[in-house]
Amino acid sequence: MICSQAHIRELIAWGLDSGVDRGSASLPPNEAIHVVAEKARRALQMRSPMQQSCPLLQRETKEIATLLHEQRKRADLMREFERFDWELYVVDLHKLLAFQRRLLFHEGRVSHAVESADWQQLVALAFPEQRLGDAVWSANAAGSEIIIRSGNPDLQVKIGPPASPDTLCIPVWIDHGSPFLEVAEYNGRWFLRDGYHRAYALLAAEIFRVPAVVIRARTLDELGAVHPWFFDEKALFSERPPQLIDFHDHNLAVSYKRPTQEKVIRISIEESFHASTTQNTEGAER
């Protein structure tokens, strides 16, 4: 069986995290990945300390105000960000920091690149109708376990409250993650929150003025930079933090391939008996 390959682009100037297969990295002859990472770190130190500037583009935002207003009324967008302080703006991708270490590109997937900086096309790219999922599920013969598999690392299973107090029907659904291009301001710095692959393709096409959802994050959790495979706060608030444009800098990033991985979620049904803490005579033994 031939295992499909994923293409990885990783920022390495801020150190390497452990437990990652980088065996097929494109390196100079006779150089190990830690040697290349050290060269990247030294190249980074040659860069002037970052002076954070606001990425919000007021003139362009006013220019497409009607397009943004139509998106602002969307029920799915309002539902996604109902707990945040948010708005829609045109932003400058050059001025954003990156908390993701790696970008993963599956073989055979359609590129997010656009052909022009047409505002209609950019709005459609930033605020698509939905995020397509590739999840498949199966159940064991006893019906006591459900297994969900997907190549999407953002896949989650969410459980909602009962539809009404009089029913035990509890909604469970598969969430593929936000489909929107998102920017967040946190503690005085501006980050790309979601939409890294689209932003990478846009910058490759030299398109940097794009519409996005802009969030004022109050905590690191709201920013979203909480997974152990992301950069930590020390790197993000350093003098020379990782920037989105650094993914295109061969002195600071490296490319390699690794076998495609999938996310597996198992939902099990278990039964047990415990001492009751409440009285319920309706179901008592007779």
Protein backbone atom coordinates (compact mmCIF):
# COMPACT_ATOMS: atom_id res chain seq x y z
CA MET A 1 0.00 0.00 0.00
CA ILE A 2 1.33 3.46 -0.95
CA CYS A 3 0.93 6.01 1.83
CA SER A 4 -0.07 9.49 0.69
CA GLN A 5 2.26 12.34 1.57
CA ALA A 6 1.57 15.71 3.13
CA HIS A 7 3.73 18.72 2.30
CA ILE A 8 4.84 20.66 5.39
CA ARG A 9 6.12 24.22 5.63
CA GLU A 10 7.56 24.96 9.08
CA LEU A 11 8.96 28.05 10.78
CA ILE A 12 12.19 26.92 12.48
CA ALA A 13 13.97 30.13 13.54
CA TRP A 14 12.16 30.09 16.91
CA GLY A 15 13.28 26.59 17.87
CA LEU A 16 11.97 23.12 17.11
CA ASP A 17 9.25 21.33 19.02
CA SER A 18 9.69 17.63 19.72
CA GLY A 19 7.89 14.56 18.43
CA VAL A 20 7.69 15.73 14.81
CA ASP A 21 8.81 13.64 11.82
CA ARG A 22 11.08 15.90 9.75
CA GLY A 23 13.05 13.08 8.14
CA SER A 24 12.40 14.18 4.54
CA ALA A 25 13.28 17.85 5.04
CA SER A 26 15.06 19.43 2.08
CA LEU A 27 18.39 20.24 3.74
CA PRO A 28 21.86 21.12 2.46
CA PRO A 29 24.19 18.09 2.21
CA ASN A 30 25.56 16.80 5.51
CA GLU A 31 23.45 19.18 7.63
CA ALA A 32 21.00 18.04 10.31
CA ILE A 33 17.73 19.82 11.02
CA HIS A 34 19.03 21.28 14.29
CA VAL A 35 21.97 22.82 12.41
CA VAL A 36 19.64 24.43 9.89
CA ALA A 37 17.41 25.64 12.74
CA GLU A 38 20.40 27.29 14.41
CA LYS A 39 21.30 29.06 11.15
CA ALA A 40 17.69 30.27 10.93
CA ARG A 41 17.87 31.54 14.50
CA ARG A 42 21.03 33.53 13.68
CA ALA A 43 19.40 34.94 10.54
CA LEU A 44 16.44 36.04 12.66
CA GLN A 45 18.74 37.88 15.08
CA MET A 46 19.95 40.02 12.18
CA ARG A 47 16.44 41.39 11.77
CA SER A 48 15.48 44.63 13.50
CA PRO A 49 13.09 44.29 16.46
CA MET A 50 9.48 44.39 15.32
CA GLN A 51 7.47 47.57 15.66
CA GLN A 52 3.84 46.44 15.71
CA SER A 53 1.53 48.57 13.58
CA CYS A 54 -2.21 48.24 13.13
CA PRO A 55 -3.13 46.07 10.11
CA LEU A 56 -6.64 47.52 9.73
CA LEU A 57 -7.02 49.38 6.41
CA GLN A 58 -9.66 52.05 6.86
CA ARG A 59 -9.81 53.34 3.27
CA GLU A 60 -10.23 49.88 1.74
CA THR A 61 -12.77 48.91 4.40
CA LYS A 62 -14.91 51.93 3.49
CA GLU A 63 -14.48 51.12 -0.20
CA ILE A 64 -16.18 47.72 0.20
CA ALA A 65 -18.49 48.66 3.09
CA THR A 66 -21.57 47.37 1.25
CA LEU A 67 -20.00 43.96 0.63
CA LEU A 68 -18.91 43.67 4.26
CA HIS A 69 -22.31 44.77 5.54
CA GLU A 70 -23.97 41.93 3.63
CA GLN A 71 -21.59 39.44 5.21
CA ARG A 72 -22.06 40.98 8.66
CA LYS A 73 -25.75 39.97 8.59
CA ARG A 74 -25.06 36.27 7.96
CA ALA A 75 -26.55 34.02 10.63
CA ASP A 76 -23.67 31.51 10.55
CA LEU A 77 -21.07 34.24 10.98
CA MET A 78 -22.95 35.86 13.87
CA ARG A 79 -23.37 32.47 15.52
CA GLU A 80 -19.66 31.66 15.19
CA PHE A 81 -18.54 34.90 16.89
CA GLU A 82 -21.43 35.66 19.23
CA ARG A 83 -19.20 35.48 22.33
CA PHE A 84 -16.56 37.83 20.90
CA ASP A 85 -16.09 41.54 20.31
CA TRP A 86 -15.73 41.44 16.52
CA GLU A 87 -16.10 43.37 13.27
CA LEU A 88 -15.26 43.03 9.57
CA TYR A 89 -12.29 44.93 8.12
CA VAL A 90 -9.84 44.83 5.27
CA VAL A 91 -6.44 43.93 6.75
CA ASP A 92 -2.81 43.95 5.64
CA LEU A 93 -1.39 40.42 5.82
CA HIS A 94 2.16 41.82 5.98
CA LYS A 95 1.47 43.15 9.48
CA LEU A 96 0.22 39.94 11.10
CA LEU A 97 2.01 37.57 13.44
CA ALA A 98 1.70 33.78 13.22
CA PHE A 99 1.21 31.46 16.17
CA GLN A 100 1.12 28.32 14.02
CA ARG A 101 4.49 26.64 13.53
CA ARG A 102 3.51 24.55 10.51
CA LEU A 103 1.30 24.58 7.46
CA LEU A 104 0.17 21.25 6.05
CA PHE A 105 -0.76 20.80 2.41
CA HIS A 106 -2.40 17.55 1.31
CA GLU A 107 -1.56 16.15 -2.10
CA GLY A 108 -4.37 16.57 -4.59
CA ARG A 109 -6.16 19.32 -2.66
CA VAL A 110 -7.38 22.40 -4.54
CA SER A 111 -5.23 25.47 -3.93
CA HIS A 112 -6.73 28.50 -2.22
CA ALA A 113 -4.87 30.82 -4.59
CA VAL A 114 -6.89 33.50 -6.36
CA GLU A 115 -6.29 34.92 -9.80
CA SER A 116 -6.72 38.59 -8.96
CA ALA A 117 -7.34 41.06 -6.16
CA ASP A 118 -10.98 41.49 -7.16
CA TRP A 119 -12.95 42.41 -4.03
CA GLN A 120 -15.89 40.12 -4.85
CA GLN A 121 -13.53 37.17 -5.17
CA LEU A 122 -11.61 38.08 -2.02
CA VAL A 123 -14.82 38.41 0.01
CA ALA A 124 -15.92 34.96 -1.21
CA LEU A 125 -12.52 33.54 -0.23
CA ALA A 126 -12.55 35.13 3.23
CA PHE A 127 -16.19 34.31 4.05
CA PRO A 128 -17.10 31.06 2.28
CA GLU A 129 -20.53 29.53 2.73
CA GLN A 130 -19.22 26.52 4.63
CA ARG A 131 -16.11 24.51 5.44
CA LEU A 132 -16.22 21.26 3.51
CA GLY A 133 -15.57 18.18 5.60
CA ASP A 134 -14.15 14.78 4.78
CA ALA A 135 -15.22 13.01 7.97
CA VAL A 136 -16.40 9.40 7.78
CA TRP A 137 -17.85 7.42 10.63
CA SER A 138 -18.45 3.80 11.57
CA ALA A 139 -19.93 1.91 14.53
CA ASN A 140 -19.05 -1.42 16.08
CA ALA A 141 -21.42 -4.36 15.86
CA ALA A 142 -22.76 -3.81 19.38
CA GLY A 143 -23.52 -0.16 18.69
CA SER A 144 -21.54 0.90 21.77
CA GLU A 145 -18.83 2.85 20.00
CA ILE A 146 -18.73 5.32 17.11
CA ILE A 147 -15.44 6.07 15.34
CA ILE A 148 -15.05 9.28 13.32
CA ARG A 149 -12.03 9.80 11.04
CA SER A 150 -10.95 12.90 9.15
CA GLY A 151 -7.89 14.53 7.65
CA ASN A 152 -9.02 17.83 9.19
CA PRO A 153 -7.12 18.47 12.46
CA ASP A 154 -9.76 21.02 13.51
CA LEU A 155 -12.54 18.41 13.56
CA GLN A 156 -14.50 18.35 16.83
CA VAL A 157 -17.57 16.61 18.17
CA LYS A 158 -19.80 19.02 20.04
CA ILE A 159 -22.68 18.28 22.39
CA GLY A 160 -25.49 20.75 22.90
CA PRO A 161 -28.16 21.09 25.58
CA PRO A 162 -31.41 19.07 25.29
CA ALA A 163 -33.86 20.45 22.77
CA SER A 164 -36.38 20.89 25.59
CA PRO A 165 -36.58 20.14 29.34
CA ASP A 166 -39.09 17.37 28.66
CA THR A 167 -36.87 15.26 26.39
CA LEU A 168 -33.66 13.27 26.73
CA CYS A 169 -32.77 13.87 23.09
CA ILE A 170 -29.37 15.56 23.19
CA PRO A 171 -27.97 17.07 19.96
CA VAL A 172 -24.50 15.90 18.90
CA TRP A 173 -22.84 17.27 15.78
CA ILE A 174 -19.54 17.30 13.92
CA ASP A 175 -17.84 20.68 13.74
CA HIS A 176 -15.22 21.17 10.99
CA GLY A 177 -13.95 24.46 12.41
CA SER A 178 -14.51 28.03 11.34
CA PRO A 179 -14.44 28.58 7.55
CA PHE A 180 -13.64 32.27 7.89
CA LEU A 181 -10.42 34.24 7.52
CA GLU A 182 -9.83 35.59 11.03
CA VAL A 183 -7.51 38.15 12.59
CA ALA A 184 -7.21 38.78 16.34
CA GLU A 185 -5.68 41.55 18.41
CA TYR A 186 -4.38 40.33 21.75
CA ASN A 187 -2.30 42.22 24.29
CA GLY A 188 -1.29 44.85 21.74
CA ARG A 189 -0.24 42.47 18.98
CA TRP A 190 -2.07 41.34 15.85
CA PHE A 191 -2.27 37.70 14.79
CA LEU A 192 -3.76 35.64 12.02
CA ARG A 193 -6.23 33.53 13.99
CA ASP A 194 -7.60 31.26 11.25
CA GLY A 195 -7.17 30.86 7.51
CA TYR A 196 -3.41 30.22 7.36
CA HIS A 197 -3.45 28.24 4.12
CA ARG A 198 -5.49 30.89 2.31
CA ALA A 199 -3.23 33.65 3.62
CA TYR A 200 -0.13 31.71 2.51
CA ALA A 201 -1.53 31.36 -1.01
CA LEU A 202 -2.59 35.01 -1.12
CA LEU A 203 0.88 36.20 -0.14
CA ALA A 204 2.41 33.87 -2.74
CA ALA A 205 0.21 35.67 -5.30
CA GLU A 206 1.39 39.03 -3.87
CA ILE A 207 -2.11 39.81 -2.62
CA PHE A 208 -1.97 41.20 0.90
CA ARG A 209 -5.06 43.43 1.31
CA VAL A 210 -7.88 41.06 2.22
CA PRO A 211 -11.16 41.19 4.18
CA ALA A 212 -11.34 39.29 7.45
CA VAL A 213 -13.20 38.88 10.71
CA VAL A 214 -11.33 40.94 13.32
CA ILE A 215 -11.59 39.86 16.95
CA ARG A 216 -10.48 41.65 20.10
CA ALA A 217 -9.25 38.69 22.14
CA ARG A 218 -9.23 39.07 25.91
CA THR A 219 -7.34 35.86 26.69
CA LEU A 220 -4.87 33.50 25.04
CA ASP A 221 -7.71 31.00 24.80
CA GLU A 222 -9.82 33.45 22.79
CA LEU A 223 -6.83 34.09 20.56
CA GLY A 224 -6.65 30.35 19.94
CA ALA A 225 -2.90 29.90 20.47
CA VAL A 226 -3.31 27.24 23.13
CA HIS A 227 -2.19 23.96 21.54
CA PRO A 228 1.25 22.60 22.46
CA TRP A 229 2.25 22.49 18.78
CA PHE A 230 1.82 26.29 18.47
CA PHE A 231 4.40 28.90 19.46
CA ASP A 232 4.29 29.86 23.14
CA GLU A 233 3.77 33.33 24.56
CA LYS A 234 7.51 33.87 25.03
CA ALA A 235 8.06 33.59 21.26
CA LEU A 236 4.90 35.50 20.33
CA PHE A 237 5.77 38.49 22.51
CA SER A 238 9.50 38.51 21.85
CA GLU A 239 11.35 41.32 20.06
CA ARG A 240 11.33 39.32 16.82
CA PRO A 241 8.16 37.22 16.87
CA PRO A 242 7.14 34.84 14.04
CA GLN A 243 5.35 36.75 11.30
CA LEU A 244 2.96 35.40 8.70
CA ILE A 245 5.24 36.47 5.84
CA ASP A 246 8.07 34.39 7.35
CA PHE A 247 6.52 31.23 5.88
CA HIS A 248 7.82 32.54 2.53
CA ASP A 249 11.33 33.24 3.84
CA HIS A 250 13.68 30.33 3.04
CA ASN A 251 16.10 31.56 5.70
CA LEU A 252 13.50 31.12 8.46
CA ALA A 253 11.38 28.19 7.25
CA VAL A 254 11.96 24.68 5.93
CA SER A 255 9.88 22.32 3.77
CA TYR A 256 9.51 18.55 4.05
CA LYS A 257 7.08 15.70 3.50
CA ARG A 258 5.62 13.20 5.92
CA PRO A 259 2.91 10.53 5.72
CA THR A 260 -0.59 11.97 5.81
CA GLN A 261 -2.19 11.77 9.24
CA GLU A 262 -5.84 11.62 10.17
CA LYS A 263 -7.70 12.63 13.30
CA VAL A 264 -9.66 9.86 15.03
CA ILE A 265 -12.44 10.55 17.54
CA ARG A 266 -14.02 7.68 19.47
CA ILE A 267 -17.37 8.05 21.19
CA SER A 268 -18.11 5.18 23.60
CA ILE A 269 -21.25 4.27 25.50
CA GLU A 270 -20.60 2.83 28.95
CA GLU A 271 -23.09 1.72 31.61
CA SER A 272 -22.46 1.55 35.35
CA PHE A 273 -24.37 1.80 38.63
CA HIS A 274 -23.63 4.26 41.44
CA ALA A 275 -25.29 5.20 44.70
CA SER A 276 -28.09 7.61 43.94
CA THR A 277 -27.83 11.10 45.38
CA THR A 278 -31.43 12.08 44.53
CA GLN A 279 -34.79 10.45 45.18
CA ASN A 280 -36.79 9.37 42.17
CA THR A 281 -39.75 7.17 43.10
CA GLU A 282 -41.13 6.94 39.55
CA GLY A 283 -38.41 4.48 38.50
CA ALA A 284 -38.14 2.67 41.86
CA GLU A 285 -38.25 -1.11 41.99
CA ARG A 286 -41.68 -2.59 42.78
